[in-house]
Amino acid sequence: MVVSFSTLLYSHCFDMYARTMTVTPLASNPGAPAYTGMRAIYNSGPLTITDEEGIVTAVIEDHETIIDIRTIEFDDGGFAILQQGDLVHFDADTDIVGGDFKITEGPEYNSGGQATYYIQKLETAAP
């Protein structure tokens, strides 16, 4: 029996936790206009560094920032799956940070219809 995790599980998680984003496809579709309405789950937290034996050697707070997307939402919308170099924007919402981010790594697929990307916040250079 085949189970669709994307439909039976991820769709509900995205309904609860996903944020709307604007995508500027610099790498996946160069020259294409930005599009909005796509959803992603945004998460930022500590990066744990371990040695070869699995012993934690360092924890860097708020260093690893990722987004997860449901690939079917991009397929159904006729959009290319995000690639390294694409830009994404999230509006701020109550106590949740917003801003512009660049995809630095990904996608990493989980075989259930979800892709994970590592992103980096774009900051304005100090004068």
PDB file of N, CA and C in Angstrom:
ATOM      1  N   MET A   1       0.837  -1.177   0.000  1.00  0.00           N
ATOM      2  CA  MET A   1       0.000   0.000   0.000  1.00  0.00           C
ATOM      3  C   MET A   1       0.885   1.244   0.000  1.00  0.00           C
ATOM      4  N   VAL A   2       0.647   2.113  -0.953  1.00  0.00           N
ATOM      5  CA  VAL A   2       1.410   3.341  -1.081  1.00  0.00           C
ATOM      6  C   VAL A   2       0.734   4.446  -0.277  1.00  0.00           C
ATOM      7  N   VAL A   3       1.546   5.182   0.486  1.00  0.00           N
ATOM      8  CA  VAL A   3       1.036   6.293   1.291  1.00  0.00           C
ATOM      9  C   VAL A   3       1.626   7.580   0.756  1.00  0.00           C
ATOM     10  N   SER A   4       0.801   8.579   0.519  1.00  0.00           N
ATOM     11  CA  SER A   4       1.274   9.877   0.060  1.00  0.00           C
ATOM     12  C   SER A   4       1.499  10.783   1.266  1.00  0.00           C
ATOM     13  N   PHE A   5       2.753  10.852   1.727  1.00  0.00           N
ATOM     14  CA  PHE A   5       3.064  11.705   2.859  1.00  0.00           C
ATOM     15  C   PHE A   5       2.778  13.169   2.536  1.00  0.00           C
ATOM     16  N   SER A   6       3.012  13.564   1.288  1.00  0.00           N
ATOM     17  CA  SER A   6       2.778  14.950   0.899  1.00  0.00           C
ATOM     18  C   SER A   6       1.324  15.346   1.112  1.00  0.00           C
ATOM     19  N   THR A   7       0.401  14.472   0.724  1.00  0.00           N
ATOM     20  CA  THR A   7      -1.025  14.776   0.846  1.00  0.00           C
ATOM     21  C   THR A   7      -1.555  14.521   2.251  1.00  0.00           C
ATOM     22  N   LEU A   8      -1.201  13.381   2.829  1.00  0.00           N
ATOM     23  CA  LEU A   8      -1.786  12.982   4.104  1.00  0.00           C
ATOM     24  C   LEU A   8      -1.145  13.651   5.324  1.00  0.00           C
ATOM     25  N   LEU A   9       0.109  14.066   5.227  1.00  0.00           N
ATOM     26  CA  LEU A   9       0.787  14.645   6.381  1.00  0.00           C
ATOM     27  C   LEU A   9       1.283  16.065   6.116  1.00  0.00           C
ATOM     28  N   TYR A  10       2.125  16.224   5.082  1.00  0.00           N
ATOM     29  CA  TYR A  10       2.765  17.528   4.869  1.00  0.00           C
ATOM     30  C   TYR A  10       1.769  18.631   4.546  1.00  0.00           C
ATOM     31  N   SER A  11       0.701  18.316   3.827  1.00  0.00           N
ATOM     32  CA  SER A  11      -0.266  19.369   3.489  1.00  0.00           C
ATOM     33  C   SER A  11      -0.846  19.995   4.755  1.00  0.00           C
ATOM     34  N   HIS A  12      -1.113  19.183   5.769  1.00  0.00           N
ATOM     35  CA  HIS A  12      -1.651  19.704   7.034  1.00  0.00           C
ATOM     36  C   HIS A  12      -0.597  20.491   7.809  1.00  0.00           C
ATOM     37  N   CYS A  13       0.633  20.012   7.802  1.00  0.00           N
ATOM     38  CA  CYS A  13       1.722  20.741   8.464  1.00  0.00           C
ATOM     39  C   CYS A  13       1.935  22.096   7.804  1.00  0.00           C
ATOM     40  N   PHE A  14       1.883  22.132   6.479  1.00  0.00           N
ATOM     41  CA  PHE A  14       2.074  23.392   5.767  1.00  0.00           C
ATOM     42  C   PHE A  14       0.900  24.334   6.007  1.00  0.00           C
ATOM     43  N   ASP A  15      -0.313  23.797   6.116  1.00  0.00           N
ATOM     44  CA  ASP A  15      -1.458  24.645   6.433  1.00  0.00           C
ATOM     45  C   ASP A  15      -1.273  25.321   7.784  1.00  0.00           C
ATOM     46  N   MET A  16      -0.619  24.665   8.708  1.00  0.00           N
ATOM     47  CA  MET A  16      -0.431  25.206  10.056  1.00  0.00           C
ATOM     48  C   MET A  16       0.813  26.092  10.171  1.00  0.00           C
ATOM     49  N   TYR A  17       1.935  25.676   9.583  1.00  0.00           N
ATOM     50  CA  TYR A  17       3.216  26.320   9.866  1.00  0.00           C
ATOM     51  C   TYR A  17       3.857  27.090   8.718  1.00  0.00           C
ATOM     52  N   ALA A  18       3.429  26.888   7.498  1.00  0.00           N
ATOM     53  CA  ALA A  18       4.108  27.515   6.360  1.00  0.00           C
ATOM     54  C   ALA A  18       3.815  29.004   6.273  1.00  0.00           C
ATOM     55  N   ARG A  19       4.786  29.717   5.724  1.00  0.00           N
ATOM     56  CA  ARG A  19       4.663  31.151   5.484  1.00  0.00           C
ATOM     57  C   ARG A  19       4.719  31.394   3.977  1.00  0.00           C
ATOM     58  N   THR A  20       3.989  32.401   3.539  1.00  0.00           N
ATOM     59  CA  THR A  20       4.003  32.757   2.124  1.00  0.00           C
ATOM     60  C   THR A  20       5.316  33.462   1.804  1.00  0.00           C
ATOM     61  N   MET A  21       5.863  33.155   0.644  1.00  0.00           N
ATOM     62  CA  MET A  21       7.126  33.769   0.234  1.00  0.00           C
ATOM     63  C   MET A  21       7.033  34.269  -1.196  1.00  0.00           C
ATOM     64  N   THR A  22       7.906  35.203  -1.507  1.00  0.00           N
ATOM     65  CA  THR A  22       8.090  35.684  -2.870  1.00  0.00           C
ATOM     66  C   THR A  22       9.402  35.101  -3.364  1.00  0.00           C
ATOM     67  N   VAL A  23       9.397  34.543  -4.562  1.00  0.00           N
ATOM     68  CA  VAL A  23      10.572  33.874  -5.117  1.00  0.00           C
ATOM     69  C   VAL A  23      11.069  34.644  -6.339  1.00  0.00           C
ATOM     70  N   THR A  24      12.368  34.919  -6.361  1.00  0.00           N
ATOM     71  CA  THR A  24      13.018  35.486  -7.543  1.00  0.00           C
ATOM     72  C   THR A  24      13.931  34.396  -8.092  1.00  0.00           C
ATOM     73  N   PRO A  25      13.549  33.770  -9.203  1.00  0.00           N
ATOM     74  CA  PRO A  25      14.279  32.602  -9.704  1.00  0.00           C
ATOM     75  C   PRO A  25      15.524  32.970 -10.509  1.00  0.00           C
ATOM     76  N   LEU A  26      16.598  33.333  -9.827  1.00  0.00           N
ATOM     77  CA  LEU A  26      17.835  33.719 -10.514  1.00  0.00           C
ATOM     78  C   LEU A  26      18.554  32.524 -11.118  1.00  0.00           C
ATOM     79  N   ALA A  27      18.467  31.365 -10.459  1.00  0.00           N
ATOM     80  CA  ALA A  27      19.184  30.181 -10.940  1.00  0.00           C
ATOM     81  C   ALA A  27      18.265  29.192 -11.639  1.00  0.00           C
ATOM     82  N   SER A  28      17.071  28.955 -11.082  1.00  0.00           N
ATOM     83  CA  SER A  28      16.200  27.924 -11.632  1.00  0.00           C
ATOM     84  C   SER A  28      15.549  28.349 -12.941  1.00  0.00           C
ATOM     85  N   ASN A  29      15.332  29.653 -13.145  1.00  0.00           N
ATOM     86  CA  ASN A  29      14.703  30.140 -14.376  1.00  0.00           C
ATOM     87  C   ASN A  29      15.147  31.581 -14.606  1.00  0.00           C
ATOM     88  N   PRO A  30      16.423  31.803 -15.000  1.00  0.00           N
ATOM     89  CA  PRO A  30      16.956  33.156 -15.146  1.00  0.00           C
ATOM     90  C   PRO A  30      16.108  34.016 -16.076  1.00  0.00           C
ATOM     91  N   GLY A  31      15.863  35.249 -15.649  1.00  0.00           N
ATOM     92  CA  GLY A  31      15.088  36.178 -16.463  1.00  0.00           C
ATOM     93  C   GLY A  31      13.592  36.105 -16.207  1.00  0.00           C
ATOM     94  N   ALA A  32      13.138  35.083 -15.512  1.00  0.00           N
ATOM     95  CA  ALA A  32      11.706  34.961 -15.206  1.00  0.00           C
ATOM     96  C   ALA A  32      11.349  35.974 -14.122  1.00  0.00           C
ATOM     97  N   PRO A  33      10.126  36.488 -14.164  1.00  0.00           N
ATOM     98  CA  PRO A  33       9.727  37.449 -13.122  1.00  0.00           C
ATOM     99  C   PRO A  33       9.558  36.756 -11.769  1.00  0.00           C
ATOM    100  N   ALA A  34       9.632  37.552 -10.711  1.00  0.00           N
ATOM    101  CA  ALA A  34       9.391  37.022  -9.371  1.00  0.00           C
ATOM    102  C   ALA A  34       7.941  36.579  -9.262  1.00  0.00           C
ATOM    103  N   TYR A  35       7.689  35.592  -8.443  1.00  0.00           N
ATOM    104  CA  TYR A  35       6.319  35.137  -8.220  1.00  0.00           C
ATOM    105  C   TYR A  35       6.076  34.976  -6.724  1.00  0.00           C
ATOM    106  N   THR A  36       4.834  35.123  -6.328  1.00  0.00           N
ATOM    107  CA  THR A  36       4.479  35.050  -4.919  1.00  0.00           C
ATOM    108  C   THR A  36       3.374  34.037  -4.720  1.00  0.00           C
ATOM    109  N   GLY A  37       3.089  33.744  -3.475  1.00  0.00           N
ATOM    110  CA  GLY A  37       2.020  32.807  -3.163  1.00  0.00           C
ATOM    111  C   GLY A  37       2.510  31.411  -2.853  1.00  0.00           C
ATOM    112  N   MET A  38       3.795  31.141  -3.065  1.00  0.00           N
ATOM    113  CA  MET A  38       4.335  29.837  -2.729  1.00  0.00           C
ATOM    114  C   MET A  38       4.560  29.788  -1.219  1.00  0.00           C
ATOM    115  N   ARG A  39       4.573  28.578  -0.649  1.00  0.00           N
ATOM    116  CA  ARG A  39       4.695  28.436   0.795  1.00  0.00           C
ATOM    117  C   ARG A  39       5.954  27.659   1.166  1.00  0.00           C
ATOM    118  N   ALA A  40       6.479  28.001   2.328  1.00  0.00           N
ATOM    119  CA  ALA A  40       7.636  27.292   2.868  1.00  0.00           C
ATOM    120  C   ALA A  40       7.574  27.337   4.385  1.00  0.00           C
ATOM    121  N   ILE A  41       8.104  26.310   5.011  1.00  0.00           N
ATOM    122  CA  ILE A  41       8.269  26.314   6.459  1.00  0.00           C
ATOM    123  C   ILE A  41       9.685  26.785   6.729  1.00  0.00           C
ATOM    124  N   TYR A  42       9.795  27.882   7.488  1.00  0.00           N
ATOM    125  CA  TYR A  42      11.056  28.537   7.803  1.00  0.00           C
ATOM    126  C   TYR A  42      11.505  28.106   9.188  1.00  0.00           C
ATOM    127  N   ASN A  43      12.783  27.763   9.335  1.00  0.00           N
ATOM    128  CA  ASN A  43      13.305  27.371  10.638  1.00  0.00           C
ATOM    129  C   ASN A  43      14.744  27.841  10.761  1.00  0.00           C
ATOM    130  N   SER A  44      15.051  28.468  11.889  1.00  0.00           N
ATOM    131  CA  SER A  44      16.410  28.911  12.153  1.00  0.00           C
ATOM    132  C   SER A  44      16.787  28.483  13.555  1.00  0.00           C
ATOM    133  N   GLY A  45      17.947  27.889  13.697  1.00  0.00           N
ATOM    134  CA  GLY A  45      18.346  27.398  15.005  1.00  0.00           C
ATOM    135  C   GLY A  45      19.830  27.131  15.081  1.00  0.00           C
ATOM    136  N   PRO A  46      20.249  26.493  16.158  1.00  0.00           N
ATOM    137  CA  PRO A  46      21.672  26.257  16.367  1.00  0.00           C
ATOM    138  C   PRO A  46      22.232  25.190  15.437  1.00  0.00           C
ATOM    139  N   LEU A  47      23.489  25.350  15.136  1.00  0.00           N
ATOM    140  CA  LEU A  47      24.240  24.363  14.362  1.00  0.00           C
ATOM    141  C   LEU A  47      25.113  23.600  15.343  1.00  0.00           C
ATOM    142  N   THR A  48      24.949  22.295  15.423  1.00  0.00           N
ATOM    143  CA  THR A  48      25.721  21.465  16.340  1.00  0.00           C
ATOM    144  C   THR A  48      26.849  20.794  15.570  1.00  0.00           C
ATOM    145  N   ILE A  49      28.053  20.968  16.061  1.00  0.00           N
ATOM    146  CA  ILE A  49      29.234  20.385  15.419  1.00  0.00           C
ATOM    147  C   ILE A  49      29.716  19.235  16.292  1.00  0.00           C
ATOM    148  N   THR A  50      29.904  18.062  15.667  1.00  0.00           N
ATOM    149  CA  THR A  50      30.362  16.880  16.402  1.00  0.00           C
ATOM    150  C   THR A  50      31.669  16.361  15.818  1.00  0.00           C
ATOM    151  N   ASP A  51      32.399  15.609  16.646  1.00  0.00           N
ATOM    152  CA  ASP A  51      33.625  14.978  16.144  1.00  0.00           C
ATOM    153  C   ASP A  51      33.297  13.601  15.577  1.00  0.00           C
ATOM    154  N   GLU A  52      34.329  12.823  15.232  1.00  0.00           N
ATOM    155  CA  GLU A  52      34.120  11.524  14.595  1.00  0.00           C
ATOM    156  C   GLU A  52      33.407  10.508  15.481  1.00  0.00           C
ATOM    157  N   GLU A  53      33.508  10.683  16.812  1.00  0.00           N
ATOM    158  CA  GLU A  53      32.839   9.764  17.733  1.00  0.00           C
ATOM    159  C   GLU A  53      31.424  10.212  18.068  1.00  0.00           C
ATOM    160  N   GLY A  54      30.988  11.343  17.509  1.00  0.00           N
ATOM    161  CA  GLY A  54      29.649  11.842  17.768  1.00  0.00           C
ATOM    162  C   GLY A  54      29.548  12.737  18.999  1.00  0.00           C
ATOM    163  N   ILE A  55      30.678  13.115  19.563  1.00  0.00           N
ATOM    164  CA  ILE A  55      30.689  13.995  20.733  1.00  0.00           C
ATOM    165  C   ILE A  55      30.555  15.439  20.263  1.00  0.00           C
ATOM    166  N   VAL A  56      29.639  16.181  20.892  1.00  0.00           N
ATOM    167  CA  VAL A  56      29.410  17.576  20.525  1.00  0.00           C
ATOM    168  C   VAL A  56      30.632  18.398  20.903  1.00  0.00           C
ATOM    169  N   THR A  57      31.214  19.081  19.927  1.00  0.00           N
ATOM    170  CA  THR A  57      32.392  19.915  20.181  1.00  0.00           C
ATOM    171  C   THR A  57      32.050  21.396  20.198  1.00  0.00           C
ATOM    172  N   ALA A  58      30.947  21.781  19.563  1.00  0.00           N
ATOM    173  CA  ALA A  58      30.548  23.193  19.562  1.00  0.00           C
ATOM    174  C   ALA A  58      29.088  23.309  19.154  1.00  0.00           C
ATOM    175  N   VAL A  59      28.448  24.348  19.648  1.00  0.00           N
ATOM    176  CA  VAL A  59      27.092  24.687  19.251  1.00  0.00           C
ATOM    177  C   VAL A  59      27.101  26.169  18.886  1.00  0.00           C
ATOM    178  N   ILE A  60      26.775  26.465  17.645  1.00  0.00           N
ATOM    179  CA  ILE A  60      26.747  27.853  17.181  1.00  0.00           C
ATOM    180  C   ILE A  60      25.286  28.257  17.098  1.00  0.00           C
ATOM    181  N   GLU A  61      24.886  29.185  17.964  1.00  0.00           N
ATOM    182  CA  GLU A  61      23.479  29.596  18.047  1.00  0.00           C
ATOM    183  C   GLU A  61      23.041  30.324  16.782  1.00  0.00           C
ATOM    184  N   ASP A  62      21.810  30.051  16.344  1.00  0.00           N
ATOM    185  CA  ASP A  62      21.164  30.729  15.224  1.00  0.00           C
ATOM    186  C   ASP A  62      22.049  30.794  13.978  1.00  0.00           C
ATOM    187  N   HIS A  63      22.632  29.677  13.645  1.00  0.00           N
ATOM    188  CA  HIS A  63      23.522  29.660  12.494  1.00  0.00           C
ATOM    189  C   HIS A  63      22.934  28.907  11.306  1.00  0.00           C
ATOM    190  N   GLU A  64      22.112  27.917  11.567  1.00  0.00           N
ATOM    191  CA  GLU A  64      21.565  27.090  10.489  1.00  0.00           C
ATOM    192  C   GLU A  64      20.130  27.516  10.208  1.00  0.00           C
ATOM    193  N   THR A  65      19.892  28.048   9.022  1.00  0.00           N
ATOM    194  CA  THR A  65      18.557  28.499   8.647  1.00  0.00           C
ATOM    195  C   THR A  65      18.130  27.718   7.410  1.00  0.00           C
ATOM    196  N   ILE A  66      16.937  27.110   7.498  1.00  0.00           N
ATOM    197  CA  ILE A  66      16.443  26.277   6.399  1.00  0.00           C
ATOM    198  C   ILE A  66      15.002  26.637   6.066  1.00  0.00           C
ATOM    199  N   ILE A  67      14.596  26.237   4.868  1.00  0.00           N
ATOM    200  CA  ILE A  67      13.189  26.256   4.490  1.00  0.00           C
ATOM    201  C   ILE A  67      12.854  24.890   3.898  1.00  0.00           C
ATOM    202  N   ASP A  68      11.623  24.475   4.104  1.00  0.00           N
ATOM    203  CA  ASP A  68      11.099  23.246   3.509  1.00  0.00           C
ATOM    204  C   ASP A  68       9.942  23.627   2.593  1.00  0.00           C
ATOM    205  N   ILE A  69       9.872  22.998   1.427  1.00  0.00           N
ATOM    206  CA  ILE A  69       8.757  23.220   0.509  1.00  0.00           C
ATOM    207  C   ILE A  69       8.138  21.876   0.156  1.00  0.00           C
ATOM    208  N   ARG A  70       6.868  21.912  -0.244  1.00  0.00           N
ATOM    209  CA  ARG A  70       6.222  20.736  -0.843  1.00  0.00           C
ATOM    210  C   ARG A  70       6.417  20.869  -2.347  1.00  0.00           C
ATOM    211  N   THR A  71       7.086  19.923  -2.951  1.00  0.00           N
ATOM    212  CA  THR A  71       7.389  20.025  -4.379  1.00  0.00           C
ATOM    213  C   THR A  71       6.129  20.040  -5.233  1.00  0.00           C
ATOM    214  N   ILE A  72       5.071  19.382  -4.789  1.00  0.00           N
ATOM    215  CA  ILE A  72       3.831  19.336  -5.572  1.00  0.00           C
ATOM    216  C   ILE A  72       3.223  20.731  -5.736  1.00  0.00           C
ATOM    217  N   GLU A  73       3.413  21.613  -4.752  1.00  0.00           N
ATOM    218  CA  GLU A  73       2.876  22.970  -4.861  1.00  0.00           C
ATOM    219  C   GLU A  73       3.566  23.738  -5.988  1.00  0.00           C
ATOM    220  N   PHE A  74       4.847  23.483  -6.201  1.00  0.00           N
ATOM    221  CA  PHE A  74       5.563  24.128  -7.291  1.00  0.00           C
ATOM    222  C   PHE A  74       5.171  23.498  -8.623  1.00  0.00           C
ATOM    223  N   ASP A  75       5.085  22.160  -8.654  1.00  0.00           N
ATOM    224  CA  ASP A  75       4.686  21.457  -9.877  1.00  0.00           C
ATOM    225  C   ASP A  75       3.288  21.888 -10.317  1.00  0.00           C
ATOM    226  N   ASP A  76       2.332  21.887  -9.378  1.00  0.00           N
ATOM    227  CA  ASP A  76       0.952  22.256  -9.712  1.00  0.00           C
ATOM    228  C   ASP A  76       0.838  23.709 -10.147  1.00  0.00           C
ATOM    229  N   GLY A  77       1.710  24.578  -9.616  1.00  0.00           N
ATOM    230  CA  GLY A  77       1.682  25.993  -9.983  1.00  0.00           C
ATOM    231  C   GLY A  77       2.432  26.286 -11.270  1.00  0.00           C
ATOM    232  N   GLY A  78       3.116  25.285 -11.814  1.00  0.00           N
ATOM    233  CA  GLY A  78       3.869  25.467 -13.052  1.00  0.00           C
ATOM    234  C   GLY A  78       5.201  26.169 -12.847  1.00  0.00           C
ATOM    235  N   PHE A  79       5.730  26.121 -11.609  1.00  0.00           N
ATOM    236  CA  PHE A  79       6.992  26.795 -11.300  1.00  0.00           C
ATOM    237  C   PHE A  79       8.115  25.785 -11.181  1.00  0.00           C
ATOM    238  N   ALA A  80       9.320  26.231 -11.529  1.00  0.00           N
ATOM    239  CA  ALA A  80      10.493  25.379 -11.381  1.00  0.00           C
ATOM    240  C   ALA A  80      10.819  25.216  -9.909  1.00  0.00           C
ATOM    241  N   ILE A  81      11.325  24.038  -9.538  1.00  0.00           N
ATOM    242  CA  ILE A  81      11.770  23.808  -8.169  1.00  0.00           C
ATOM    243  C   ILE A  81      12.944  24.745  -7.894  1.00  0.00           C
ATOM    244  N   LEU A  82      12.980  25.301  -6.689  1.00  0.00           N
ATOM    245  CA  LEU A  82      14.036  26.238  -6.317  1.00  0.00           C
ATOM    246  C   LEU A  82      15.409  25.599  -6.454  1.00  0.00           C
ATOM    247  N   GLN A  83      16.396  26.434  -6.755  1.00  0.00           N
ATOM    248  CA  GLN A  83      17.773  25.971  -6.902  1.00  0.00           C
ATOM    249  C   GLN A  83      18.705  26.913  -6.148  1.00  0.00           C
ATOM    250  N   GLN A  84      19.920  26.454  -5.923  1.00  0.00           N
ATOM    251  CA  GLN A  84      20.927  27.277  -5.282  1.00  0.00           C
ATOM    252  C   GLN A  84      21.111  28.559  -6.088  1.00  0.00           C
ATOM    253  N   GLY A  85      21.076  29.705  -5.406  1.00  0.00           N
ATOM    254  CA  GLY A  85      21.216  31.004  -6.061  1.00  0.00           C
ATOM    255  C   GLY A  85      19.906  31.755  -6.187  1.00  0.00           C
ATOM    256  N   ASP A  86      18.769  31.064  -6.098  1.00  0.00           N
ATOM    257  CA  ASP A  86      17.474  31.754  -6.125  1.00  0.00           C
ATOM    258  C   ASP A  86      17.312  32.587  -4.855  1.00  0.00           C
ATOM    259  N   LEU A  87      16.506  33.640  -4.942  1.00  0.00           N
ATOM    260  CA  LEU A  87      16.230  34.499  -3.796  1.00  0.00           C
ATOM    261  C   LEU A  87      14.803  34.280  -3.321  1.00  0.00           C
ATOM    262  N   VAL A  88      14.606  34.309  -2.003  1.00  0.00           N
ATOM    263  CA  VAL A  88      13.270  34.214  -1.421  1.00  0.00           C
ATOM    264  C   VAL A  88      13.092  35.353  -0.426  1.00  0.00           C
ATOM    265  N   HIS A  89      11.851  35.823  -0.315  1.00  0.00           N
ATOM    266  CA  HIS A  89      11.522  36.910   0.608  1.00  0.00           C
ATOM    267  C   HIS A  89      10.331  36.494   1.456  1.00  0.00           C
ATOM    268  N   PHE A  90      10.447  36.726   2.762  1.00  0.00           N
ATOM    269  CA  PHE A  90       9.350  36.522   3.698  1.00  0.00           C
ATOM    270  C   PHE A  90       9.016  37.859   4.338  1.00  0.00           C
ATOM    271  N   ASP A  91       7.726  38.186   4.423  1.00  0.00           N
ATOM    272  CA  ASP A  91       7.315  39.367   5.169  1.00  0.00           C
ATOM    273  C   ASP A  91       7.386  39.055   6.659  1.00  0.00           C
ATOM    274  N   ALA A  92       7.698  40.073   7.454  1.00  0.00           N
ATOM    275  CA  ALA A  92       7.683  39.905   8.907  1.00  0.00           C
ATOM    276  C   ALA A  92       6.239  39.678   9.347  1.00  0.00           C
ATOM    277  N   ASP A  93       6.057  38.879  10.386  1.00  0.00           N
ATOM    278  CA  ASP A  93       4.717  38.571  10.886  1.00  0.00           C
ATOM    279  C   ASP A  93       4.778  38.463  12.401  1.00  0.00           C
ATOM    280  N   THR A  94       4.167  39.398  13.094  1.00  0.00           N
ATOM    281  CA  THR A  94       4.179  39.504  14.561  1.00  0.00           C
ATOM    282  C   THR A  94       5.603  39.367  15.088  1.00  0.00           C
ATOM    283  N   ASP A  95       5.928  38.281  15.750  1.00  0.00           N
ATOM    284  CA  ASP A  95       7.269  38.120  16.323  1.00  0.00           C
ATOM    285  C   ASP A  95       8.194  37.273  15.443  1.00  0.00           C
ATOM    286  N   ILE A  96       7.818  37.028  14.204  1.00  0.00           N
ATOM    287  CA  ILE A  96       8.617  36.211  13.288  1.00  0.00           C
ATOM    288  C   ILE A  96       9.364  37.131  12.332  1.00  0.00           C
ATOM    289  N   VAL A  97      10.668  36.926  12.240  1.00  0.00           N
ATOM    290  CA  VAL A  97      11.512  37.759  11.401  1.00  0.00           C
ATOM    291  C   VAL A  97      11.154  37.582   9.919  1.00  0.00           C
ATOM    292  N   GLY A  98      11.321  38.621   9.161  1.00  0.00           N
ATOM    293  CA  GLY A  98      11.148  38.563   7.719  1.00  0.00           C
ATOM    294  C   GLY A  98      12.453  38.944   7.059  1.00  0.00           C
ATOM    295  N   GLY A  99      12.440  39.106   5.754  1.00  0.00           N
ATOM    296  CA  GLY A  99      13.635  39.558   5.068  1.00  0.00           C
ATOM    297  C   GLY A  99      13.882  38.806   3.785  1.00  0.00           C
ATOM    298  N   ASP A 100      15.029  39.137   3.204  1.00  0.00           N
ATOM    299  CA  ASP A 100      15.462  38.534   1.956  1.00  0.00           C
ATOM    300  C   ASP A 100      16.544  37.502   2.239  1.00  0.00           C
ATOM    301  N   PHE A 101      16.432  36.371   1.549  1.00  0.00           N
ATOM    302  CA  PHE A 101      17.354  35.268   1.760  1.00  0.00           C
ATOM    303  C   PHE A 101      17.804  34.719   0.413  1.00  0.00           C
ATOM    304  N   LYS A 102      19.016  34.165   0.391  1.00  0.00           N
ATOM    305  CA  LYS A 102      19.546  33.503  -0.797  1.00  0.00           C
ATOM    306  C   LYS A 102      19.692  32.024  -0.489  1.00  0.00           C
ATOM    307  N   ILE A 103      19.274  31.190  -1.418  1.00  0.00           N
ATOM    308  CA  ILE A 103      19.432  29.744  -1.241  1.00  0.00           C
ATOM    309  C   ILE A 103      20.900  29.401  -1.473  1.00  0.00           C
ATOM    310  N   THR A 104      21.533  28.818  -0.444  1.00  0.00           N
ATOM    311  CA  THR A 104      22.954  28.498  -0.522  1.00  0.00           C
ATOM    312  C   THR A 104      23.222  27.019  -0.785  1.00  0.00           C
ATOM    313  N   GLU A 105      22.294  26.152  -0.378  1.00  0.00           N
ATOM    314  CA  GLU A 105      22.434  24.708  -0.616  1.00  0.00           C
ATOM    315  C   GLU A 105      21.059  24.095  -0.808  1.00  0.00           C
ATOM    316  N   GLY A 106      21.016  23.031  -1.559  1.00  0.00           N
ATOM    317  CA  GLY A 106      19.760  22.315  -1.742  1.00  0.00           C
ATOM    318  C   GLY A 106      19.431  22.201  -3.209  1.00  0.00           C
ATOM    319  N   PRO A 107      18.416  21.452  -3.493  1.00  0.00           N
ATOM    320  CA  PRO A 107      17.490  20.820  -2.575  1.00  0.00           C
ATOM    321  C   PRO A 107      17.969  19.459  -2.081  1.00  0.00           C
ATOM    322  N   GLU A 108      17.521  19.127  -0.875  1.00  0.00           N
ATOM    323  CA  GLU A 108      17.682  17.784  -0.329  1.00  0.00           C
ATOM    324  C   GLU A 108      16.276  17.218  -0.200  1.00  0.00           C
ATOM    325  N   TYR A 109      15.998  16.133  -0.914  1.00  0.00           N
ATOM    326  CA  TYR A 109      14.660  15.543  -0.929  1.00  0.00           C
ATOM    327  C   TYR A 109      14.534  14.459   0.137  1.00  0.00           C
ATOM    328  N   ASN A 110      13.336  14.322   0.697  1.00  0.00           N
ATOM    329  CA  ASN A 110      13.114  13.305   1.727  1.00  0.00           C
ATOM    330  C   ASN A 110      12.297  12.129   1.205  1.00  0.00           C
ATOM    331  N   SER A 111      12.067  12.012  -0.074  1.00  0.00           N
ATOM    332  CA  SER A 111      11.308  10.929  -0.713  1.00  0.00           C
ATOM    333  C   SER A 111       9.833  10.934  -0.363  1.00  0.00           C
ATOM    334  N   GLY A 112       9.369  11.991   0.311  1.00  0.00           N
ATOM    335  CA  GLY A 112       7.958  12.089   0.648  1.00  0.00           C
ATOM    336  C   GLY A 112       7.309  13.309   0.029  1.00  0.00           C
ATOM    337  N   GLY A 113       8.019  13.968  -0.881  1.00  0.00           N
ATOM    338  CA  GLY A 113       7.452  15.139  -1.540  1.00  0.00           C
ATOM    339  C   GLY A 113       7.861  16.460  -0.912  1.00  0.00           C
ATOM    340  N   GLN A 114       8.880  16.422  -0.083  1.00  0.00           N
ATOM    341  CA  GLN A 114       9.345  17.643   0.572  1.00  0.00           C
ATOM    342  C   GLN A 114      10.810  17.862   0.224  1.00  0.00           C
ATOM    343  N   ALA A 115      11.194  19.119   0.014  1.00  0.00           N
ATOM    344  CA  ALA A 115      12.577  19.472  -0.273  1.00  0.00           C
ATOM    345  C   ALA A 115      13.048  20.493   0.754  1.00  0.00           C
ATOM    346  N   THR A 116      14.280  20.332   1.224  1.00  0.00           N
ATOM    347  CA  THR A 116      14.881  21.224   2.212  1.00  0.00           C
ATOM    348  C   THR A 116      15.993  22.022   1.557  1.00  0.00           C
ATOM    349  N   TYR A 117      16.040  23.305   1.889  1.00  0.00           N
ATOM    350  CA  TYR A 117      17.058  24.223   1.380  1.00  0.00           C
ATOM    351  C   TYR A 117      17.710  24.956   2.544  1.00  0.00           C
ATOM    352  N   TYR A 118      19.002  25.176   2.455  1.00  0.00           N
ATOM    353  CA  TYR A 118      19.704  26.024   3.408  1.00  0.00           C
ATOM    354  C   TYR A 118      19.740  27.421   2.812  1.00  0.00           C
ATOM    355  N   ILE A 119      19.415  28.412   3.639  1.00  0.00           N
ATOM    356  CA  ILE A 119      19.332  29.779   3.143  1.00  0.00           C
ATOM    357  C   ILE A 119      20.179  30.694   4.029  1.00  0.00           C
ATOM    358  N   GLN A 120      20.571  31.823   3.452  1.00  0.00           N
ATOM    359  CA  GLN A 120      21.362  32.828   4.170  1.00  0.00           C
ATOM    360  C   GLN A 120      20.677  34.165   4.030  1.00  0.00           C
ATOM    361  N   LYS A 121      20.527  34.859   5.158  1.00  0.00           N
ATOM    362  CA  LYS A 121      19.877  36.164   5.143  1.00  0.00           C
ATOM    363  C   LYS A 121      20.779  37.165   4.441  1.00  0.00           C
ATOM    364  N   LEU A 122      20.180  37.957   3.560  1.00  0.00           N
ATOM    365  CA  LEU A 122      20.927  39.008   2.863  1.00  0.00           C
ATOM    366  C   LEU A 122      20.864  40.272   3.719  1.00  0.00           C
ATOM    367  N   GLU A 123      22.004  40.802   4.053  1.00  0.00           N
ATOM    368  CA  GLU A 123      22.093  41.995   4.892  1.00  0.00           C
ATOM    369  C   GLU A 123      22.642  43.147   4.066  1.00  0.00           C
ATOM    370  N   THR A 124      22.188  44.351   4.394  1.00  0.00           N
ATOM    371  CA  THR A 124      22.726  45.546   3.752  1.00  0.00           C
ATOM    372  C   THR A 124      24.097  45.821   4.343  1.00  0.00           C
ATOM    373  N   ALA A 125      25.052  46.107   3.473  1.00  0.00           N
ATOM    374  CA  ALA A 125      26.422  46.375   3.935  1.00  0.00           C
ATOM    375  C   ALA A 125      26.454  47.669   4.739  1.00  0.00           C
ATOM    376  N   ALA A 126      27.237  47.666   5.797  1.00  0.00           N
ATOM    377  CA  ALA A 126      27.393  48.864   6.623  1.00  0.00           C
ATOM    378  C   ALA A 126      28.188  49.903   5.856  1.00  0.00           C
ATOM    379  N   PRO A 127      27.857  51.186   6.049  1.00  0.00           N
ATOM    380  CA  PRO A 127      28.604  52.246   5.318  1.00  0.00           C
ATOM    381  C   PRO A 127      30.028  52.371   5.786  1.00  0.00           C
TER     382      PRO A 127
END
